[in-house]
PDB file of N, CA and C in Angstrom:
ATOM      1  N   MET A   1     -17.428 -37.540 -44.316  1.00  0.00           N
ATOM      2  CA  MET A   1     -16.020 -37.250 -44.208  1.00  0.00           C
ATOM      3  C   MET A   1     -15.288 -38.536 -43.868  1.00  0.00           C
ATOM      4  N   PHE A   2     -14.174 -38.747 -44.536  1.00  0.00           N
ATOM      5  CA  PHE A   2     -13.370 -39.935 -44.265  1.00  0.00           C
ATOM      6  C   PHE A   2     -12.719 -39.810 -42.892  1.00  0.00           C
ATOM      7  N   SER A   3     -12.413 -40.943 -42.298  1.00  0.00           N
ATOM      8  CA  SER A   3     -11.834 -40.960 -40.957  1.00  0.00           C
ATOM      9  C   SER A   3     -10.533 -40.175 -40.882  1.00  0.00           C
ATOM     10  N   PHE A   4      -9.661 -40.351 -41.884  1.00  0.00           N
ATOM     11  CA  PHE A   4      -8.381 -39.639 -41.828  1.00  0.00           C
ATOM     12  C   PHE A   4      -8.589 -38.140 -41.930  1.00  0.00           C
ATOM     13  N   GLU A   5      -9.606 -37.683 -42.666  1.00  0.00           N
ATOM     14  CA  GLU A   5      -9.906 -36.254 -42.746  1.00  0.00           C
ATOM     15  C   GLU A   5     -10.392 -35.749 -41.399  1.00  0.00           C
ATOM     16  N   SER A   6     -11.234 -36.533 -40.754  1.00  0.00           N
ATOM     17  CA  SER A   6     -11.737 -36.174 -39.437  1.00  0.00           C
ATOM     18  C   SER A   6     -10.600 -36.126 -38.425  1.00  0.00           C
ATOM     19  N   ASP A   7      -9.722 -37.117 -38.454  1.00  0.00           N
ATOM     20  CA  ASP A   7      -8.581 -37.154 -37.543  1.00  0.00           C
ATOM     21  C   ASP A   7      -7.670 -35.951 -37.755  1.00  0.00           C
ATOM     22  N   THR A   8      -7.442 -35.583 -39.000  1.00  0.00           N
ATOM     23  CA  THR A   8      -6.602 -34.429 -39.312  1.00  0.00           C
ATOM     24  C   THR A   8      -7.238 -33.150 -38.786  1.00  0.00           C
ATOM     25  N   THR A   9      -8.535 -33.013 -38.965  1.00  0.00           N
ATOM     26  CA  THR A   9      -9.241 -31.833 -38.477  1.00  0.00           C
ATOM     27  C   THR A   9      -9.178 -31.753 -36.959  1.00  0.00           C
ATOM     28  N   LEU A  10      -9.335 -32.879 -36.274  1.00  0.00           N
ATOM     29  CA  LEU A  10      -9.235 -32.892 -34.815  1.00  0.00           C
ATOM     30  C   LEU A  10      -7.856 -32.436 -34.356  1.00  0.00           C
ATOM     31  N   VAL A  11      -6.812 -32.941 -34.993  1.00  0.00           N
ATOM     32  CA  VAL A  11      -5.450 -32.555 -34.629  1.00  0.00           C
ATOM     33  C   VAL A  11      -5.257 -31.057 -34.863  1.00  0.00           C
ATOM     34  N   GLU A  12      -5.720 -30.559 -35.993  1.00  0.00           N
ATOM     35  CA  GLU A  12      -5.577 -29.133 -36.294  1.00  0.00           C
ATOM     36  C   GLU A  12      -6.330 -28.282 -35.283  1.00  0.00           C
ATOM     37  N   ASP A  13      -7.548 -28.688 -34.926  1.00  0.00           N
ATOM     38  CA  ASP A  13      -8.318 -27.936 -33.938  1.00  0.00           C
ATOM     39  C   ASP A  13      -7.640 -27.963 -32.576  1.00  0.00           C
ATOM     40  N   ARG A  14      -7.102 -29.094 -32.192  1.00  0.00           N
ATOM     41  CA  ARG A  14      -6.384 -29.174 -30.910  1.00  0.00           C
ATOM     42  C   ARG A  14      -5.183 -28.232 -30.912  1.00  0.00           C
ATOM     43  N   GLU A  15      -4.415 -28.263 -31.996  1.00  0.00           N
ATOM     44  CA  GLU A  15      -3.235 -27.399 -32.093  1.00  0.00           C
ATOM     45  C   GLU A  15      -3.634 -25.927 -32.127  1.00  0.00           C
ATOM     46  N   ASP A  16      -4.733 -25.611 -32.805  1.00  0.00           N
ATOM     47  CA  ASP A  16      -5.226 -24.231 -32.823  1.00  0.00           C
ATOM     48  C   ASP A  16      -5.606 -23.780 -31.415  1.00  0.00           C
ATOM     49  N   LEU A  17      -6.291 -24.640 -30.671  1.00  0.00           N
ATOM     50  CA  LEU A  17      -6.674 -24.310 -29.304  1.00  0.00           C
ATOM     51  C   LEU A  17      -5.444 -24.049 -28.444  1.00  0.00           C
ATOM     52  N   ILE A  18      -4.468 -24.911 -28.536  1.00  0.00           N
ATOM     53  CA  ILE A  18      -3.236 -24.742 -27.753  1.00  0.00           C
ATOM     54  C   ILE A  18      -2.534 -23.436 -28.143  1.00  0.00           C
ATOM     55  N   ALA A  19      -2.500 -23.119 -29.433  1.00  0.00           N
ATOM     56  CA  ALA A  19      -1.859 -21.883 -29.903  1.00  0.00           C
ATOM     57  C   ALA A  19      -2.583 -20.651 -29.361  1.00  0.00           C
ATOM     58  N   VAL A  20      -3.897 -20.656 -29.385  1.00  0.00           N
ATOM     59  CA  VAL A  20      -4.657 -19.517 -28.867  1.00  0.00           C
ATOM     60  C   VAL A  20      -4.413 -19.365 -27.363  1.00  0.00           C
ATOM     61  N   LEU A  21      -4.411 -20.489 -26.641  1.00  0.00           N
ATOM     62  CA  LEU A  21      -4.148 -20.427 -25.201  1.00  0.00           C
ATOM     63  C   LEU A  21      -2.769 -19.837 -24.919  1.00  0.00           C
ATOM     64  N   ARG A  22      -1.775 -20.227 -25.696  1.00  0.00           N
ATOM     65  CA  ARG A  22      -0.423 -19.690 -25.503  1.00  0.00           C
ATOM     66  C   ARG A  22      -0.383 -18.187 -25.799  1.00  0.00           C
ATOM     67  N   MET A  23      -1.064 -17.771 -26.849  1.00  0.00           N
ATOM     68  CA  MET A  23      -1.088 -16.352 -27.194  1.00  0.00           C
ATOM     69  C   MET A  23      -1.766 -15.529 -26.108  1.00  0.00           C
ATOM     70  N   ARG A  24      -2.855 -16.050 -25.580  1.00  0.00           N
ATOM     71  CA  ARG A  24      -3.629 -15.296 -24.590  1.00  0.00           C
ATOM     72  C   ARG A  24      -3.058 -15.361 -23.187  1.00  0.00           C
ATOM     73  N   PHE A  25      -2.596 -16.573 -22.775  1.00  0.00           N
ATOM     74  CA  PHE A  25      -2.297 -16.789 -21.363  1.00  0.00           C
ATOM     75  C   PHE A  25      -0.861 -17.228 -21.077  1.00  0.00           C
ATOM     76  N   GLY A  26      -0.053 -17.434 -22.103  1.00  0.00           N
ATOM     77  CA  GLY A  26       1.331 -17.841 -21.895  1.00  0.00           C
ATOM     78  C   GLY A  26       1.510 -19.342 -21.954  1.00  0.00           C
ATOM     79  N   THR A  27       2.312 -19.864 -21.073  1.00  0.00           N
ATOM     80  CA  THR A  27       2.664 -21.284 -21.069  1.00  0.00           C
ATOM     81  C   THR A  27       1.437 -22.161 -20.824  1.00  0.00           C
ATOM     82  N   VAL A  28       1.359 -23.253 -21.566  1.00  0.00           N
ATOM     83  CA  VAL A  28       0.293 -24.243 -21.397  1.00  0.00           C
ATOM     84  C   VAL A  28       0.940 -25.506 -20.845  1.00  0.00           C
ATOM     85  N   SER A  29       0.421 -26.001 -19.738  1.00  0.00           N
ATOM     86  CA  SER A  29       1.018 -27.168 -19.087  1.00  0.00           C
ATOM     87  C   SER A  29       0.838 -28.430 -19.925  1.00  0.00           C
ATOM     88  N   GLY A  30       1.746 -29.365 -19.719  1.00  0.00           N
ATOM     89  CA  GLY A  30       1.631 -30.661 -20.393  1.00  0.00           C
ATOM     90  C   GLY A  30       0.346 -31.367 -20.013  1.00  0.00           C
ATOM     91  N   GLU A  31      -0.071 -31.199 -18.768  1.00  0.00           N
ATOM     92  CA  GLU A  31      -1.320 -31.816 -18.300  1.00  0.00           C
ATOM     93  C   GLU A  31      -2.517 -31.283 -19.083  1.00  0.00           C
ATOM     94  N   LEU A  32      -2.543 -29.970 -19.319  1.00  0.00           N
ATOM     95  CA  LEU A  32      -3.643 -29.383 -20.080  1.00  0.00           C
ATOM     96  C   LEU A  32      -3.594 -29.839 -21.536  1.00  0.00           C
ATOM     97  N   ILE A  33      -2.398 -29.937 -22.102  1.00  0.00           N
ATOM     98  CA  ILE A  33      -2.268 -30.415 -23.481  1.00  0.00           C
ATOM     99  C   ILE A  33      -2.807 -31.841 -23.588  1.00  0.00           C
ATOM    100  N   GLU A  34      -2.486 -32.673 -22.618  1.00  0.00           N
ATOM    101  CA  GLU A  34      -3.027 -34.041 -22.605  1.00  0.00           C
ATOM    102  C   GLU A  34      -4.543 -34.029 -22.530  1.00  0.00           C
ATOM    103  N   GLN A  35      -5.088 -33.145 -21.691  1.00  0.00           N
ATOM    104  CA  GLN A  35      -6.543 -33.047 -21.563  1.00  0.00           C
ATOM    105  C   GLN A  35      -7.170 -32.621 -22.892  1.00  0.00           C
ATOM    106  N   ILE A  36      -6.552 -31.679 -23.563  1.00  0.00           N
ATOM    107  CA  ILE A  36      -7.062 -31.215 -24.858  1.00  0.00           C
ATOM    108  C   ILE A  36      -7.014 -32.346 -25.881  1.00  0.00           C
ATOM    109  N   TYR A  37      -5.944 -33.123 -25.883  1.00  0.00           N
ATOM    110  CA  TYR A  37      -5.819 -34.210 -26.857  1.00  0.00           C
ATOM    111  C   TYR A  37      -6.780 -35.375 -26.584  1.00  0.00           C
ATOM    112  N   LYS A  38      -7.431 -35.382 -25.441  1.00  0.00           N
ATOM    113  CA  LYS A  38      -8.447 -36.403 -25.157  1.00  0.00           C
ATOM    114  C   LYS A  38      -9.812 -36.022 -25.722  1.00  0.00           C
ATOM    115  N   ILE A  39      -9.958 -34.768 -26.138  1.00  0.00           N
ATOM    116  CA  ILE A  39     -11.232 -34.299 -26.693  1.00  0.00           C
ATOM    117  C   ILE A  39     -11.349 -34.787 -28.126  1.00  0.00           C
ATOM    118  N   ASP A  40     -12.399 -35.543 -28.406  1.00  0.00           N
ATOM    119  CA  ASP A  40     -12.612 -36.110 -29.741  1.00  0.00           C
ATOM    120  C   ASP A  40     -13.815 -35.530 -30.470  1.00  0.00           C
ATOM    121  N   ASP A  41     -14.371 -34.463 -29.932  1.00  0.00           N
ATOM    122  CA  ASP A  41     -15.549 -33.858 -30.546  1.00  0.00           C
ATOM    123  C   ASP A  41     -15.155 -32.519 -31.176  1.00  0.00           C
ATOM    124  N   MET A  42     -15.327 -32.402 -32.491  1.00  0.00           N
ATOM    125  CA  MET A  42     -14.931 -31.184 -33.204  1.00  0.00           C
ATOM    126  C   MET A  42     -15.703 -29.967 -32.718  1.00  0.00           C
ATOM    127  N   ASN A  43     -16.994 -30.125 -32.429  1.00  0.00           N
ATOM    128  CA  ASN A  43     -17.788 -28.993 -31.956  1.00  0.00           C
ATOM    129  C   ASN A  43     -17.267 -28.467 -30.628  1.00  0.00           C
ATOM    130  N   THR A  44     -16.906 -29.369 -29.735  1.00  0.00           N
ATOM    131  CA  THR A  44     -16.350 -28.957 -28.443  1.00  0.00           C
ATOM    132  C   THR A  44     -15.038 -28.218 -28.637  1.00  0.00           C
ATOM    133  N   LEU A  45     -14.165 -28.738 -29.482  1.00  0.00           N
ATOM    134  CA  LEU A  45     -12.882 -28.074 -29.735  1.00  0.00           C
ATOM    135  C   LEU A  45     -13.078 -26.688 -30.337  1.00  0.00           C
ATOM    136  N   GLN A  46     -13.986 -26.565 -31.269  1.00  0.00           N
ATOM    137  CA  GLN A  46     -14.222 -25.272 -31.903  1.00  0.00           C
ATOM    138  C   GLN A  46     -14.817 -24.278 -30.906  1.00  0.00           C
ATOM    139  N   ARG A  47     -15.700 -24.746 -30.014  1.00  0.00           N
ATOM    140  CA  ARG A  47     -16.256 -23.883 -28.974  1.00  0.00           C
ATOM    141  C   ARG A  47     -15.152 -23.432 -28.022  1.00  0.00           C
ATOM    142  N   LEU A  48     -14.244 -24.358 -27.680  1.00  0.00           N
ATOM    143  CA  LEU A  48     -13.151 -24.008 -26.775  1.00  0.00           C
ATOM    144  C   LEU A  48     -12.167 -23.028 -27.408  1.00  0.00           C
ATOM    145  N   ILE A  49     -11.967 -23.113 -28.720  1.00  0.00           N
ATOM    146  CA  ILE A  49     -11.130 -22.133 -29.413  1.00  0.00           C
ATOM    147  C   ILE A  49     -11.745 -20.745 -29.271  1.00  0.00           C
ATOM    148  N   LEU A  50     -13.045 -20.645 -29.484  1.00  0.00           N
ATOM    149  CA  LEU A  50     -13.737 -19.359 -29.318  1.00  0.00           C
ATOM    150  C   LEU A  50     -13.670 -18.884 -27.871  1.00  0.00           C
ATOM    151  N   ALA A  51     -13.851 -19.811 -26.933  1.00  0.00           N
ATOM    152  CA  ALA A  51     -13.777 -19.445 -25.516  1.00  0.00           C
ATOM    153  C   ALA A  51     -12.380 -18.947 -25.165  1.00  0.00           C
ATOM    154  N   ALA A  52     -11.348 -19.626 -25.646  1.00  0.00           N
ATOM    155  CA  ALA A  52      -9.970 -19.215 -25.359  1.00  0.00           C
ATOM    156  C   ALA A  52      -9.680 -17.828 -25.933  1.00  0.00           C
ATOM    157  N   ALA A  53     -10.209 -17.550 -27.092  1.00  0.00           N
ATOM    158  CA  ALA A  53      -9.966 -16.255 -27.737  1.00  0.00           C
ATOM    159  C   ALA A  53     -10.718 -15.122 -27.056  1.00  0.00           C
ATOM    160  N   ASN A  54     -11.835 -15.431 -26.411  1.00  0.00           N
ATOM    161  CA  ASN A  54     -12.697 -14.379 -25.878  1.00  0.00           C
ATOM    162  C   ASN A  54     -12.822 -14.339 -24.368  1.00  0.00           C
ATOM    163  N   ALA A  55     -12.340 -15.348 -23.658  1.00  0.00           N
ATOM    164  CA  ALA A  55     -12.476 -15.379 -22.202  1.00  0.00           C
ATOM    165  C   ALA A  55     -11.770 -14.178 -21.578  1.00  0.00           C
ATOM    166  N   ALA A  56     -12.407 -13.611 -20.564  1.00  0.00           N
ATOM    167  CA  ALA A  56     -11.833 -12.446 -19.900  1.00  0.00           C
ATOM    168  C   ALA A  56     -10.532 -12.780 -19.182  1.00  0.00           C
ATOM    169  N   ASN A  57     -10.405 -14.027 -18.726  1.00  0.00           N
ATOM    170  CA  ASN A  57      -9.188 -14.434 -18.026  1.00  0.00           C
ATOM    171  C   ASN A  57      -9.077 -15.957 -18.037  1.00  0.00           C
ATOM    172  N   TRP A  58      -7.982 -16.452 -17.485  1.00  0.00           N
ATOM    173  CA  TRP A  58      -7.709 -17.887 -17.489  1.00  0.00           C
ATOM    174  C   TRP A  58      -8.801 -18.676 -16.772  1.00  0.00           C
ATOM    175  N   ASN A  59      -9.294 -18.167 -15.646  1.00  0.00           N
ATOM    176  CA  ASN A  59     -10.309 -18.893 -14.875  1.00  0.00           C
ATOM    177  C   ASN A  59     -11.610 -19.062 -15.642  1.00  0.00           C
ATOM    178  N   VAL A  60     -11.984 -18.063 -16.419  1.00  0.00           N
ATOM    179  CA  VAL A  60     -13.195 -18.184 -17.242  1.00  0.00           C
ATOM    180  C   VAL A  60     -13.007 -19.317 -18.243  1.00  0.00           C
ATOM    181  N   PHE A  61     -11.845 -19.363 -18.899  1.00  0.00           N
ATOM    182  CA  PHE A  61     -11.609 -20.446 -19.851  1.00  0.00           C
ATOM    183  C   PHE A  61     -11.609 -21.799 -19.148  1.00  0.00           C
ATOM    184  N   LYS A  62     -10.917 -21.873 -18.008  1.00  0.00           N
ATOM    185  CA  LYS A  62     -10.821 -23.134 -17.282  1.00  0.00           C
ATOM    186  C   LYS A  62     -12.201 -23.655 -16.888  1.00  0.00           C
ATOM    187  N   ASN A  63     -13.094 -22.778 -16.457  1.00  0.00           N
ATOM    188  CA  ASN A  63     -14.458 -23.185 -16.123  1.00  0.00           C
ATOM    189  C   ASN A  63     -15.189 -23.709 -17.348  1.00  0.00           C
ATOM    190  N   ASP A  64     -14.967 -23.075 -18.478  1.00  0.00           N
ATOM    191  CA  ASP A  64     -15.613 -23.528 -19.706  1.00  0.00           C
ATOM    192  C   ASP A  64     -15.059 -24.891 -20.130  1.00  0.00           C
ATOM    193  N   LEU A  65     -13.771 -25.100 -19.967  1.00  0.00           N
ATOM    194  CA  LEU A  65     -13.156 -26.386 -20.280  1.00  0.00           C
ATOM    195  C   LEU A  65     -13.748 -27.488 -19.403  1.00  0.00           C
ATOM    196  N   GLN A  66     -13.953 -27.189 -18.130  1.00  0.00           N
ATOM    197  CA  GLN A  66     -14.517 -28.172 -17.199  1.00  0.00           C
ATOM    198  C   GLN A  66     -15.974 -28.500 -17.536  1.00  0.00           C
ATOM    199  N   ALA A  67     -16.671 -27.577 -18.178  1.00  0.00           N
ATOM    200  CA  ALA A  67     -18.083 -27.799 -18.515  1.00  0.00           C
ATOM    201  C   ALA A  67     -18.254 -28.911 -19.545  1.00  0.00           C
ATOM    202  N   GLY A  68     -17.197 -29.191 -20.310  1.00  0.00           N
ATOM    203  CA  GLY A  68     -17.253 -30.275 -21.292  1.00  0.00           C
ATOM    204  C   GLY A  68     -18.207 -29.994 -22.433  1.00  0.00           C
ATOM    205  N   GLU A  69     -18.824 -31.049 -22.915  1.00  0.00           N
ATOM    206  CA  GLU A  69     -19.700 -30.938 -24.080  1.00  0.00           C
ATOM    207  C   GLU A  69     -21.043 -30.313 -23.742  1.00  0.00           C
ATOM    208  N   ASN A  70     -21.358 -30.140 -22.463  1.00  0.00           N
ATOM    209  CA  ASN A  70     -22.665 -29.616 -22.067  1.00  0.00           C
ATOM    210  C   ASN A  70     -22.757 -28.107 -22.212  1.00  0.00           C
ATOM    211  N   SER A  71     -21.646 -27.426 -22.317  1.00  0.00           N
ATOM    212  CA  SER A  71     -21.646 -25.986 -22.453  1.00  0.00           C
ATOM    213  C   SER A  71     -21.758 -25.623 -23.927  1.00  0.00           C
ATOM    214  N   PHE A  72     -22.566 -24.617 -24.214  1.00  0.00           N
ATOM    215  CA  PHE A  72     -22.694 -24.249 -25.626  1.00  0.00           C
ATOM    216  C   PHE A  72     -22.843 -22.760 -25.850  1.00  0.00           C
ATOM    217  N   ARG A  73     -22.943 -21.962 -24.809  1.00  0.00           N
ATOM    218  CA  ARG A  73     -23.102 -20.530 -25.008  1.00  0.00           C
ATOM    219  C   ARG A  73     -21.921 -19.767 -24.457  1.00  0.00           C
ATOM    220  N   LEU A  74     -21.469 -18.826 -25.221  1.00  0.00           N
ATOM    221  CA  LEU A  74     -20.391 -17.941 -24.797  1.00  0.00           C
ATOM    222  C   LEU A  74     -20.981 -16.537 -24.738  1.00  0.00           C
ATOM    223  N   MET A  75     -21.577 -16.208 -23.602  1.00  0.00           N
ATOM    224  CA  MET A  75     -22.296 -14.936 -23.497  1.00  0.00           C
ATOM    225  C   MET A  75     -21.854 -14.150 -22.273  1.00  0.00           C
ATOM    226  N   GLY A  76     -22.026 -12.860 -22.358  1.00  0.00           N
ATOM    227  CA  GLY A  76     -21.820 -11.991 -21.224  1.00  0.00           C
ATOM    228  C   GLY A  76     -20.402 -11.465 -21.124  1.00  0.00           C
ATOM    229  N   GLU A  77     -20.176 -10.722 -20.065  1.00  0.00           N
ATOM    230  CA  GLU A  77     -18.891 -10.069 -19.851  1.00  0.00           C
ATOM    231  C   GLU A  77     -17.755 -11.045 -19.588  1.00  0.00           C
ATOM    232  N   ASP A  78     -18.070 -12.282 -19.194  1.00  0.00           N
ATOM    233  CA  ASP A  78     -17.002 -13.272 -19.022  1.00  0.00           C
ATOM    234  C   ASP A  78     -16.291 -13.551 -20.338  1.00  0.00           C
ATOM    235  N   TYR A  79     -16.953 -13.268 -21.451  1.00  0.00           N
ATOM    236  CA  TYR A  79     -16.362 -13.518 -22.768  1.00  0.00           C
ATOM    237  C   TYR A  79     -16.037 -12.212 -23.493  1.00  0.00           C
ATOM    238  N   ASN A  80     -15.658 -11.234 -22.712  1.00  0.00           N
ATOM    239  CA  ASN A  80     -15.125  -9.981 -23.235  1.00  0.00           C
ATOM    240  C   ASN A  80     -13.638  -9.985 -22.907  1.00  0.00           C
ATOM    241  N   PRO A  81     -12.778 -10.204 -23.891  1.00  0.00           N
ATOM    242  CA  PRO A  81     -11.347 -10.331 -23.603  1.00  0.00           C
ATOM    243  C   PRO A  81     -10.735  -9.078 -22.982  1.00  0.00           C
ATOM    244  N   LEU A  82     -11.422  -7.949 -23.045  1.00  0.00           N
ATOM    245  CA  LEU A  82     -10.903  -6.710 -22.463  1.00  0.00           C
ATOM    246  C   LEU A  82     -11.506  -6.402 -21.093  1.00  0.00           C
ATOM    247  N   ARG A  83     -12.385  -7.262 -20.592  1.00  0.00           N
ATOM    248  CA  ARG A  83     -13.095  -6.981 -19.340  1.00  0.00           C
ATOM    249  C   ARG A  83     -12.139  -6.641 -18.204  1.00  0.00           C
ATOM    250  N   ASP A  84     -11.199  -7.503 -17.906  1.00  0.00           N
ATOM    251  CA  ASP A  84     -10.311  -7.274 -16.773  1.00  0.00           C
ATOM    252  C   ASP A  84      -9.395  -6.078 -17.006  1.00  0.00           C
ATOM    253  N   PHE A  85      -8.973  -5.876 -18.225  1.00  0.00           N
ATOM    254  CA  PHE A  85      -8.140  -4.721 -18.577  1.00  0.00           C
ATOM    255  C   PHE A  85      -8.918  -3.431 -18.333  1.00  0.00           C
ATOM    256  N   LEU A  86     -10.167  -3.392 -18.767  1.00  0.00           N
ATOM    257  CA  LEU A  86     -10.988  -2.192 -18.610  1.00  0.00           C
ATOM    258  C   LEU A  86     -11.331  -1.949 -17.141  1.00  0.00           C
ATOM    259  N   LYS A  87     -11.533  -3.012 -16.370  1.00  0.00           N
ATOM    260  CA  LYS A  87     -11.789  -2.860 -14.935  1.00  0.00           C
ATOM    261  C   LYS A  87     -10.599  -2.211 -14.250  1.00  0.00           C
ATOM    262  N   GLY A  88      -9.410  -2.592 -14.643  1.00  0.00           N
ATOM    263  CA  GLY A  88      -8.201  -2.017 -14.056  1.00  0.00           C
ATOM    264  C   GLY A  88      -8.075  -0.526 -14.337  1.00  0.00           C
ATOM    265  N   ARG A  89      -8.571  -0.102 -15.464  1.00  0.00           N
ATOM    266  CA  ARG A  89      -8.483   1.310 -15.837  1.00  0.00           C
ATOM    267  C   ARG A  89      -9.485   2.141 -15.068  1.00  0.00           C
ATOM    268  N   GLU A  90     -10.601   1.518 -14.646  1.00  0.00           N
ATOM    269  CA  GLU A  90     -11.633   2.250 -13.910  1.00  0.00           C
ATOM    270  C   GLU A  90     -11.229   2.505 -12.474  1.00  0.00           C
ATOM    271  N   ALA A  91     -10.337   1.684 -11.939  1.00  0.00           N
ATOM    272  CA  ALA A  91      -9.970   1.773 -10.515  1.00  0.00           C
ATOM    273  C   ALA A  91      -9.165   3.011 -10.189  1.00  0.00           C
TER     274      ALA A  91
END
């Protein structure tokens, strides 16, 4: 892949991640946007997009973001986007 194609894909993945975060959690801080734009690994960005779409809440996503490139599995109830909603209904 040519460098400009890779750069374009990185920008698109970053913007996709920010869009998913806004849809799921509302406002995204400028600090977080800066942190996202420092990520230069496509695999990490794509994993974070999946995490943002499936995380049960903001803290689950934030923990996954802090894990960096070392995290690779999105498993369990932490990645059930309805977990907290369903817990509220059981109470």
